[in-house]
Amino acid sequence: MSEAARREDTSLALTPYLILGFVALVLALLARAPASLLQKALPAALPVQVSAWGGTLWSGQAELVQAGEPGFWRWQLQPAGLLRGRLALQVQAQGPLSMRGSVERGFGGWAARGLSGELPARLLQPLLPPGWTLPGDIRLDGVQLARKGLALGPWQAAGGQLHWGGGAMQYSLGSQAQGATLPPLLATLRLEGDTLLLSMTEASGGALADVRIAKDGGVETRLRERLLKYSNRTSGADPDAVVVTSVQRPQ
């Protein structure tokens, strides 16, 4: 065997150890890096304020302030995410935003998985059509969302359910504000191609509305006859019939 062949075999034999050493070095740096570095990974339009960072990137905590109410956020790094080139954290929030799950951020996009707990309904405003508001709190059950890109991009995953206890909902038909007092609602998330679909139904299963959010931020809303009866606008037609379709183009 030539000298060059021996060097090549030696290099191949050392490669797994070099990779293992590199991973160990990265993990050691993450275990010592200050938690405040995560601030650069947060979306600019986050509806809560985050401050008072403590701990490290590996295991830390921070203070949340949402609508003037303080809360607390803890996280634990998931090392397996690094093998996929993503920063993955197991998170738990307490206070006005009370939930747990995992979040990931990478060069290819972001994802939230297994989100369960409660949060103020106004935090979900980006998922609702313009002019729509829901009072009170919403309970999340196994919610997951994933999107390609750091800004607008195709939706890649969606699932889980959202439960709302009912009450006075405000919504818009064209340019006119409307209101309805609704019973408890169930909203189901799923994908339709690369579009996010939010289906709203009564707790008993009757369909009320569908909201489609495209990758470019456009929103299409379809209201069914069953929803309009709660605002005294029913015409007695098929309760499952789509009676109003509204399209909101991205700004």
C-alpha atoms as a PDB file:
ATOM      1  CA  MET A   1       0.000   0.000   0.000  1.00  0.00           C
ATOM      2  CA  SER A   2       1.358   3.440  -0.950  1.00  0.00           C
ATOM      3  CA  GLU A   3       1.975   6.222   1.554  1.00  0.00           C
ATOM      4  CA  ALA A   4      -0.872   8.279   0.049  1.00  0.00           C
ATOM      5  CA  ALA A   5      -3.303   5.375   0.460  1.00  0.00           C
ATOM      6  CA  ARG A   6      -2.254   4.919   4.105  1.00  0.00           C
ATOM      7  CA  ARG A   7      -2.868   8.639   4.804  1.00  0.00           C
ATOM      8  CA  GLU A   8      -6.299   8.421   3.148  1.00  0.00           C
ATOM      9  CA  ASP A   9      -7.254   5.383   5.251  1.00  0.00           C
ATOM     10  CA  THR A  10      -6.079   7.154   8.397  1.00  0.00           C
ATOM     11  CA  SER A  11      -8.126  10.236   7.538  1.00  0.00           C
ATOM     12  CA  LEU A  12     -11.227   8.132   6.967  1.00  0.00           C
ATOM     13  CA  ALA A  13     -10.730   6.361  10.286  1.00  0.00           C
ATOM     14  CA  LEU A  14     -10.398   9.686  12.108  1.00  0.00           C
ATOM     15  CA  THR A  15     -13.440  11.334  10.492  1.00  0.00           C
ATOM     16  CA  PRO A  16     -16.064  10.010  12.982  1.00  0.00           C
ATOM     17  CA  TYR A  17     -13.931  11.204  15.883  1.00  0.00           C
ATOM     18  CA  LEU A  18     -13.512  14.641  14.307  1.00  0.00           C
ATOM     19  CA  ILE A  19     -17.282  14.940  13.840  1.00  0.00           C
ATOM     20  CA  LEU A  20     -17.882  13.791  17.420  1.00  0.00           C
ATOM     21  CA  GLY A  21     -15.354  16.325  18.681  1.00  0.00           C
ATOM     22  CA  PHE A  22     -16.984  19.128  16.696  1.00  0.00           C
ATOM     23  CA  VAL A  23     -20.439  18.262  18.061  1.00  0.00           C
ATOM     24  CA  ALA A  24     -19.044  18.154  21.611  1.00  0.00           C
ATOM     25  CA  LEU A  25     -17.481  21.573  21.097  1.00  0.00           C
ATOM     26  CA  VAL A  26     -20.768  23.053  19.829  1.00  0.00           C
ATOM     27  CA  LEU A  27     -22.679  21.594  22.785  1.00  0.00           C
ATOM     28  CA  ALA A  28     -20.099  22.966  25.229  1.00  0.00           C
ATOM     29  CA  LEU A  29     -20.421  26.444  23.706  1.00  0.00           C
ATOM     30  CA  LEU A  30     -24.221  26.300  23.867  1.00  0.00           C
ATOM     31  CA  ALA A  31     -24.055  25.230  27.507  1.00  0.00           C
ATOM     32  CA  ARG A  32     -22.076  28.384  28.326  1.00  0.00           C
ATOM     33  CA  ALA A  33     -23.515  30.953  25.891  1.00  0.00           C
ATOM     34  CA  PRO A  34     -25.813  33.522  27.565  1.00  0.00           C
ATOM     35  CA  ALA A  35     -29.564  33.111  27.126  1.00  0.00           C
ATOM     36  CA  SER A  36     -29.923  36.676  25.820  1.00  0.00           C
ATOM     37  CA  LEU A  37     -28.541  35.532  22.439  1.00  0.00           C
ATOM     38  CA  LEU A  38     -31.969  34.022  21.764  1.00  0.00           C
ATOM     39  CA  GLN A  39     -33.361  37.531  21.470  1.00  0.00           C
ATOM     40  CA  LYS A  40     -31.918  37.744  17.955  1.00  0.00           C
ATOM     41  CA  ALA A  41     -33.900  34.661  16.886  1.00  0.00           C
ATOM     42  CA  LEU A  42     -37.303  36.035  17.947  1.00  0.00           C
ATOM     43  CA  PRO A  43     -39.639  37.312  15.197  1.00  0.00           C
ATOM     44  CA  ALA A  44     -39.807  41.117  14.995  1.00  0.00           C
ATOM     45  CA  ALA A  45     -43.632  41.135  15.213  1.00  0.00           C
ATOM     46  CA  LEU A  46     -43.858  38.965  18.337  1.00  0.00           C
ATOM     47  CA  PRO A  47     -47.019  40.076  20.256  1.00  0.00           C
ATOM     48  CA  VAL A  48     -45.264  39.821  23.636  1.00  0.00           C
ATOM     49  CA  GLN A  49     -42.251  41.591  25.117  1.00  0.00           C
ATOM     50  CA  VAL A  50     -39.377  39.428  26.344  1.00  0.00           C
ATOM     51  CA  SER A  51     -36.781  40.684  28.833  1.00  0.00           C
ATOM     52  CA  ALA A  52     -34.812  39.745  31.970  1.00  0.00           C
ATOM     53  CA  TRP A  53     -32.975  36.890  30.250  1.00  0.00           C
ATOM     54  CA  GLY A  54     -31.295  34.388  32.569  1.00  0.00           C
ATOM     55  CA  GLY A  55     -29.366  31.138  32.291  1.00  0.00           C
ATOM     56  CA  THR A  56     -27.832  29.879  29.062  1.00  0.00           C
ATOM     57  CA  LEU A  57     -28.874  28.916  25.562  1.00  0.00           C
ATOM     58  CA  TRP A  58     -29.015  25.329  26.799  1.00  0.00           C
ATOM     59  CA  SER A  59     -31.292  25.959  29.775  1.00  0.00           C
ATOM     60  CA  GLY A  60     -32.670  29.343  30.647  1.00  0.00           C
ATOM     61  CA  GLN A  61     -35.600  31.578  31.399  1.00  0.00           C
ATOM     62  CA  ALA A  62     -36.947  35.020  30.563  1.00  0.00           C
ATOM     63  CA  GLU A  63     -39.743  37.357  31.586  1.00  0.00           C
ATOM     64  CA  LEU A  64     -42.785  37.782  29.333  1.00  0.00           C
ATOM     65  CA  VAL A  65     -44.997  40.858  29.318  1.00  0.00           C
ATOM     66  CA  GLN A  66     -48.252  40.536  27.396  1.00  0.00           C
ATOM     67  CA  ALA A  67     -50.793  43.399  27.478  1.00  0.00           C
ATOM     68  CA  GLY A  68     -49.101  44.736  30.609  1.00  0.00           C
ATOM     69  CA  GLU A  69     -49.311  41.399  32.439  1.00  0.00           C
ATOM     70  CA  PRO A  70     -46.026  39.711  33.440  1.00  0.00           C
ATOM     71  CA  GLY A  71     -45.329  36.041  32.857  1.00  0.00           C
ATOM     72  CA  PHE A  72     -42.450  33.608  32.758  1.00  0.00           C
ATOM     73  CA  TRP A  73     -40.843  31.485  30.047  1.00  0.00           C
ATOM     74  CA  ARG A  74     -38.491  28.523  30.516  1.00  0.00           C
ATOM     75  CA  TRP A  75     -36.721  26.458  27.879  1.00  0.00           C
ATOM     76  CA  GLN A  76     -34.442  23.471  27.492  1.00  0.00           C
ATOM     77  CA  LEU A  77     -32.307  22.868  24.413  1.00  0.00           C
ATOM     78  CA  GLN A  78     -33.023  19.725  22.370  1.00  0.00           C
ATOM     79  CA  PRO A  79     -29.592  18.630  21.058  1.00  0.00           C
ATOM     80  CA  ALA A  80     -31.117  16.381  18.374  1.00  0.00           C
ATOM     81  CA  GLY A  81     -32.297  19.505  16.565  1.00  0.00           C
ATOM     82  CA  LEU A  82     -28.694  20.524  15.907  1.00  0.00           C
ATOM     83  CA  LEU A  83     -28.239  17.419  13.771  1.00  0.00           C
ATOM     84  CA  ARG A  84     -30.936  18.853  11.468  1.00  0.00           C
ATOM     85  CA  GLY A  85     -29.299  22.268  11.399  1.00  0.00           C
ATOM     86  CA  ARG A  86     -32.009  23.823  13.589  1.00  0.00           C
ATOM     87  CA  LEU A  87     -32.174  25.432  17.014  1.00  0.00           C
ATOM     88  CA  ALA A  88     -34.842  23.391  18.837  1.00  0.00           C
ATOM     89  CA  LEU A  89     -36.163  24.229  22.304  1.00  0.00           C
ATOM     90  CA  GLN A  90     -38.636  22.610  24.662  1.00  0.00           C
ATOM     91  CA  VAL A  91     -40.555  25.552  26.128  1.00  0.00           C
ATOM     92  CA  GLN A  92     -42.983  26.196  28.954  1.00  0.00           C
ATOM     93  CA  ALA A  93     -44.693  29.524  29.619  1.00  0.00           C
ATOM     94  CA  GLN A  94     -46.566  30.630  32.741  1.00  0.00           C
ATOM     95  CA  GLY A  95     -48.744  33.677  33.270  1.00  0.00           C
ATOM     96  CA  PRO A  96     -51.218  35.183  30.758  1.00  0.00           C
ATOM     97  CA  LEU A  97     -49.588  32.949  28.157  1.00  0.00           C
ATOM     98  CA  SER A  98     -49.686  29.491  29.736  1.00  0.00           C
ATOM     99  CA  MET A  99     -48.615  26.643  27.482  1.00  0.00           C
ATOM    100  CA  ARG A 100     -45.906  24.135  26.659  1.00  0.00           C
ATOM    101  CA  GLY A 101     -44.471  22.578  23.520  1.00  0.00           C
ATOM    102  CA  SER A 102     -41.402  22.827  21.298  1.00  0.00           C
ATOM    103  CA  VAL A 103     -40.213  25.475  18.853  1.00  0.00           C
ATOM    104  CA  GLU A 104     -37.572  25.283  16.127  1.00  0.00           C
ATOM    105  CA  ARG A 105     -35.768  27.874  14.057  1.00  0.00           C
ATOM    106  CA  GLY A 106     -33.383  27.203  11.200  1.00  0.00           C
ATOM    107  CA  PHE A 107     -32.165  28.725   7.950  1.00  0.00           C
ATOM    108  CA  GLY A 108     -34.944  26.889   6.098  1.00  0.00           C
ATOM    109  CA  GLY A 109     -37.841  28.101   8.238  1.00  0.00           C
ATOM    110  CA  TRP A 110     -39.498  27.739  11.630  1.00  0.00           C
ATOM    111  CA  ALA A 111     -41.835  25.322  13.370  1.00  0.00           C
ATOM    112  CA  ALA A 112     -43.904  25.009  16.542  1.00  0.00           C
ATOM    113  CA  ARG A 113     -44.961  21.525  17.609  1.00  0.00           C
ATOM    114  CA  GLY A 114     -47.176  19.994  20.284  1.00  0.00           C
ATOM    115  CA  LEU A 115     -48.379  23.320  21.673  1.00  0.00           C
ATOM    116  CA  SER A 116     -50.897  22.797  24.473  1.00  0.00           C
ATOM    117  CA  GLY A 117     -52.267  25.160  27.102  1.00  0.00           C
ATOM    118  CA  GLU A 118     -54.146  28.465  27.192  1.00  0.00           C
ATOM    119  CA  LEU A 119     -53.505  31.896  25.762  1.00  0.00           C
ATOM    120  CA  PRO A 120     -55.448  35.137  25.252  1.00  0.00           C
ATOM    121  CA  ALA A 121     -57.474  34.965  22.036  1.00  0.00           C
ATOM    122  CA  ARG A 122     -55.989  38.262  20.821  1.00  0.00           C
ATOM    123  CA  LEU A 123     -52.597  36.580  20.382  1.00  0.00           C
ATOM    124  CA  LEU A 124     -54.105  34.549  17.527  1.00  0.00           C
ATOM    125  CA  GLN A 125     -55.154  37.688  15.659  1.00  0.00           C
ATOM    126  CA  PRO A 126     -52.641  36.983  12.818  1.00  0.00           C
ATOM    127  CA  LEU A 127     -54.569  33.771  12.037  1.00  0.00           C
ATOM    128  CA  LEU A 128     -57.923  35.582  11.795  1.00  0.00           C
ATOM    129  CA  PRO A 129     -59.263  37.698   8.927  1.00  0.00           C
ATOM    130  CA  PRO A 130     -58.980  41.497   9.260  1.00  0.00           C
ATOM    131  CA  GLY A 131     -61.785  42.896  11.385  1.00  0.00           C
ATOM    132  CA  TRP A 132     -62.292  39.677  13.378  1.00  0.00           C
ATOM    133  CA  THR A 133     -61.866  39.624  17.165  1.00  0.00           C
ATOM    134  CA  LEU A 134     -62.490  36.940  19.778  1.00  0.00           C
ATOM    135  CA  PRO A 135     -62.677  37.826  23.486  1.00  0.00           C
ATOM    136  CA  GLY A 136     -61.453  35.645  26.320  1.00  0.00           C
ATOM    137  CA  ASP A 137     -58.978  32.782  26.190  1.00  0.00           C
ATOM    138  CA  ILE A 138     -58.352  29.910  23.801  1.00  0.00           C
ATOM    139  CA  ARG A 139     -57.213  26.424  24.775  1.00  0.00           C
ATOM    140  CA  LEU A 140     -54.650  24.797  22.480  1.00  0.00           C
ATOM    141  CA  ASP A 141     -54.550  21.040  22.036  1.00  0.00           C
ATOM    142  CA  GLY A 142     -51.569  19.567  20.155  1.00  0.00           C
ATOM    143  CA  VAL A 143     -51.186  22.537  17.803  1.00  0.00           C
ATOM    144  CA  GLN A 144     -48.370  22.421  15.255  1.00  0.00           C
ATOM    145  CA  LEU A 145     -47.353  24.939  12.609  1.00  0.00           C
ATOM    146  CA  ALA A 146     -44.369  24.960  10.269  1.00  0.00           C
ATOM    147  CA  ARG A 147     -43.440  27.429   7.566  1.00  0.00           C
ATOM    148  CA  LYS A 148     -40.638  27.608   5.037  1.00  0.00           C
ATOM    149  CA  GLY A 149     -38.515  30.738   5.098  1.00  0.00           C
ATOM    150  CA  LEU A 150     -37.991  33.301   7.830  1.00  0.00           C
ATOM    151  CA  ALA A 151     -40.631  35.689   6.466  1.00  0.00           C
ATOM    152  CA  LEU A 152     -43.430  34.773   4.059  1.00  0.00           C
ATOM    153  CA  GLY A 153     -43.210  31.295   2.601  1.00  0.00           C
ATOM    154  CA  PRO A 154     -45.241  28.124   2.011  1.00  0.00           C
ATOM    155  CA  TRP A 155     -46.870  26.519   5.019  1.00  0.00           C
ATOM    156  CA  GLN A 156     -45.320  23.084   5.496  1.00  0.00           C
ATOM    157  CA  ALA A 157     -47.281  21.589   8.394  1.00  0.00           C
ATOM    158  CA  ALA A 158     -50.407  22.328  10.401  1.00  0.00           C
ATOM    159  CA  GLY A 159     -52.470  20.365  12.867  1.00  0.00           C
ATOM    160  CA  GLY A 160     -54.193  20.359  16.226  1.00  0.00           C
ATOM    161  CA  GLN A 161     -57.261  22.020  17.664  1.00  0.00           C
ATOM    162  CA  LEU A 162     -58.214  25.279  19.345  1.00  0.00           C
ATOM    163  CA  HIS A 163     -61.156  25.518  21.771  1.00  0.00           C
ATOM    164  CA  TRP A 164     -62.986  28.774  22.508  1.00  0.00           C
ATOM    165  CA  GLY A 165     -65.632  29.077  25.232  1.00  0.00           C
ATOM    166  CA  GLY A 166     -68.001  31.279  23.250  1.00  0.00           C
ATOM    167  CA  GLY A 167     -69.148  34.865  23.604  1.00  0.00           C
ATOM    168  CA  ALA A 168     -69.551  38.024  21.549  1.00  0.00           C
ATOM    169  CA  MET A 169     -67.432  37.810  18.395  1.00  0.00           C
ATOM    170  CA  GLN A 170     -66.807  40.756  16.056  1.00  0.00           C
ATOM    171  CA  TYR A 171     -66.259  40.132  12.372  1.00  0.00           C
ATOM    172  CA  SER A 172     -66.321  42.028   9.100  1.00  0.00           C
ATOM    173  CA  LEU A 173     -68.391  41.459   5.973  1.00  0.00           C
ATOM    174  CA  GLY A 174     -66.820  43.537   3.231  1.00  0.00           C
ATOM    175  CA  SER A 175     -66.353  46.943   4.873  1.00  0.00           C
ATOM    176  CA  GLN A 176     -69.173  46.506   7.398  1.00  0.00           C
ATOM    177  CA  ALA A 177     -68.530  45.475  10.993  1.00  0.00           C
ATOM    178  CA  GLN A 178     -70.789  42.728  12.290  1.00  0.00           C
ATOM    179  CA  GLY A 179     -71.302  41.004  15.615  1.00  0.00           C
ATOM    180  CA  ALA A 180     -72.602  37.665  16.815  1.00  0.00           C
ATOM    181  CA  THR A 181     -72.939  35.915  20.161  1.00  0.00           C
ATOM    182  CA  LEU A 182     -71.589  32.442  19.544  1.00  0.00           C
ATOM    183  CA  PRO A 183     -71.633  29.154  21.474  1.00  0.00           C
ATOM    184  CA  PRO A 184     -68.381  27.307  22.291  1.00  0.00           C
ATOM    185  CA  LEU A 185     -66.311  26.830  19.133  1.00  0.00           C
ATOM    186  CA  LEU A 186     -63.793  24.299  17.896  1.00  0.00           C
ATOM    187  CA  ALA A 187     -61.180  25.379  15.342  1.00  0.00           C
ATOM    188  CA  THR A 188     -59.144  22.739  13.505  1.00  0.00           C
ATOM    189  CA  LEU A 189     -55.858  23.478  11.742  1.00  0.00           C
ATOM    190  CA  ARG A 190     -54.703  21.596   8.654  1.00  0.00           C
ATOM    191  CA  LEU A 191     -52.905  22.085   5.350  1.00  0.00           C
ATOM    192  CA  GLU A 192     -54.524  22.421   1.952  1.00  0.00           C
ATOM    193  CA  GLY A 193     -51.576  22.314  -0.436  1.00  0.00           C
ATOM    194  CA  ASP A 194     -49.247  24.997   0.925  1.00  0.00           C
ATOM    195  CA  THR A 195     -52.151  27.024   2.347  1.00  0.00           C
ATOM    196  CA  LEU A 196     -53.105  27.064   6.033  1.00  0.00           C
ATOM    197  CA  LEU A 197     -56.769  26.153   6.613  1.00  0.00           C
ATOM    198  CA  LEU A 198     -58.566  27.072   9.839  1.00  0.00           C
ATOM    199  CA  SER A 199     -62.005  25.401  10.042  1.00  0.00           C
ATOM    200  CA  MET A 200     -64.391  26.759  12.684  1.00  0.00           C
ATOM    201  CA  THR A 201     -67.282  24.599  13.886  1.00  0.00           C
ATOM    202  CA  GLU A 202     -69.770  24.464  16.727  1.00  0.00           C
ATOM    203  CA  ALA A 203     -68.805  22.120  19.539  1.00  0.00           C
ATOM    204  CA  SER A 204     -71.535  19.818  18.208  1.00  0.00           C
ATOM    205  CA  GLY A 205     -69.828  19.718  14.786  1.00  0.00           C
ATOM    206  CA  GLY A 206     -71.855  22.178  12.690  1.00  0.00           C
ATOM    207  CA  ALA A 207     -69.579  24.062  10.273  1.00  0.00           C
ATOM    208  CA  LEU A 208     -69.488  27.858  10.742  1.00  0.00           C
ATOM    209  CA  ALA A 209     -66.592  29.281   8.721  1.00  0.00           C
ATOM    210  CA  ASP A 210     -63.352  28.452   6.912  1.00  0.00           C
ATOM    211  CA  VAL A 211     -60.312  30.719   6.857  1.00  0.00           C
ATOM    212  CA  ARG A 212     -57.527  30.106   4.321  1.00  0.00           C
ATOM    213  CA  ILE A 213     -54.177  31.863   4.790  1.00  0.00           C
ATOM    214  CA  ALA A 214     -51.955  31.698   1.698  1.00  0.00           C
ATOM    215  CA  LYS A 215     -48.170  31.760   1.709  1.00  0.00           C
ATOM    216  CA  ASP A 216     -48.172  35.411   0.555  1.00  0.00           C
ATOM    217  CA  GLY A 217     -50.350  36.496   3.497  1.00  0.00           C
ATOM    218  CA  GLY A 218     -53.617  36.649   1.552  1.00  0.00           C
ATOM    219  CA  VAL A 219     -56.707  35.619   3.541  1.00  0.00           C
ATOM    220  CA  GLU A 220     -59.889  34.085   2.129  1.00  0.00           C
ATOM    221  CA  THR A 221     -62.856  33.756   4.478  1.00  0.00           C
ATOM    222  CA  ARG A 222     -65.968  31.691   3.790  1.00  0.00           C
ATOM    223  CA  LEU A 223     -68.955  32.108   6.121  1.00  0.00           C
ATOM    224  CA  ARG A 224     -71.728  29.544   6.271  1.00  0.00           C
ATOM    225  CA  GLU A 225     -75.429  30.097   6.850  1.00  0.00           C
ATOM    226  CA  ARG A 226     -75.128  28.491  10.279  1.00  0.00           C
ATOM    227  CA  LEU A 227     -72.872  31.345  11.499  1.00  0.00           C
ATOM    228  CA  LEU A 228     -75.174  34.098  10.276  1.00  0.00           C
ATOM    229  CA  LYS A 229     -78.091  32.792  12.321  1.00  0.00           C
ATOM    230  CA  TYR A 230     -76.242  33.887  15.457  1.00  0.00           C
ATOM    231  CA  SER A 231     -76.268  37.489  14.172  1.00  0.00           C
ATOM    232  CA  ASN A 232     -79.950  37.366  13.162  1.00  0.00           C
ATOM    233  CA  ARG A 233     -79.063  37.418   9.458  1.00  0.00           C
ATOM    234  CA  THR A 234     -80.273  33.924   8.578  1.00  0.00           C
ATOM    235  CA  SER A 235     -82.320  33.432   5.438  1.00  0.00           C
ATOM    236  CA  GLY A 236     -83.447  29.888   6.214  1.00  0.00           C
ATOM    237  CA  ALA A 237     -81.251  28.303   3.557  1.00  0.00           C
ATOM    238  CA  ASP A 238     -79.080  25.196   3.933  1.00  0.00           C
ATOM    239  CA  PRO A 239     -77.086  25.774   7.172  1.00  0.00           C
ATOM    240  CA  ASP A 240     -73.939  24.332   5.531  1.00  0.00           C
ATOM    241  CA  ALA A 241     -74.166  26.609   2.479  1.00  0.00           C
ATOM    242  CA  VAL A 242     -71.363  29.140   1.972  1.00  0.00           C
ATOM    243  CA  VAL A 243     -73.222  32.457   1.889  1.00  0.00           C
ATOM    244  CA  VAL A 244     -70.371  34.991   2.101  1.00  0.00           C
ATOM    245  CA  THR A 245     -66.858  34.828   0.645  1.00  0.00           C
ATOM    246  CA  SER A 246     -64.342  37.560   1.444  1.00  0.00           C
ATOM    247  CA  VAL A 247     -60.789  37.876   0.066  1.00  0.00           C
ATOM    248  CA  GLN A 248     -58.164  40.082   1.709  1.00  0.00           C
ATOM    249  CA  ARG A 249     -55.073  40.652  -0.420  1.00  0.00           C
ATOM    250  CA  PRO A 250     -51.681  41.084   1.284  1.00  0.00           C
ATOM    251  CA  GLN A 251     -50.576  44.653   1.801  1.00  0.00           C
END
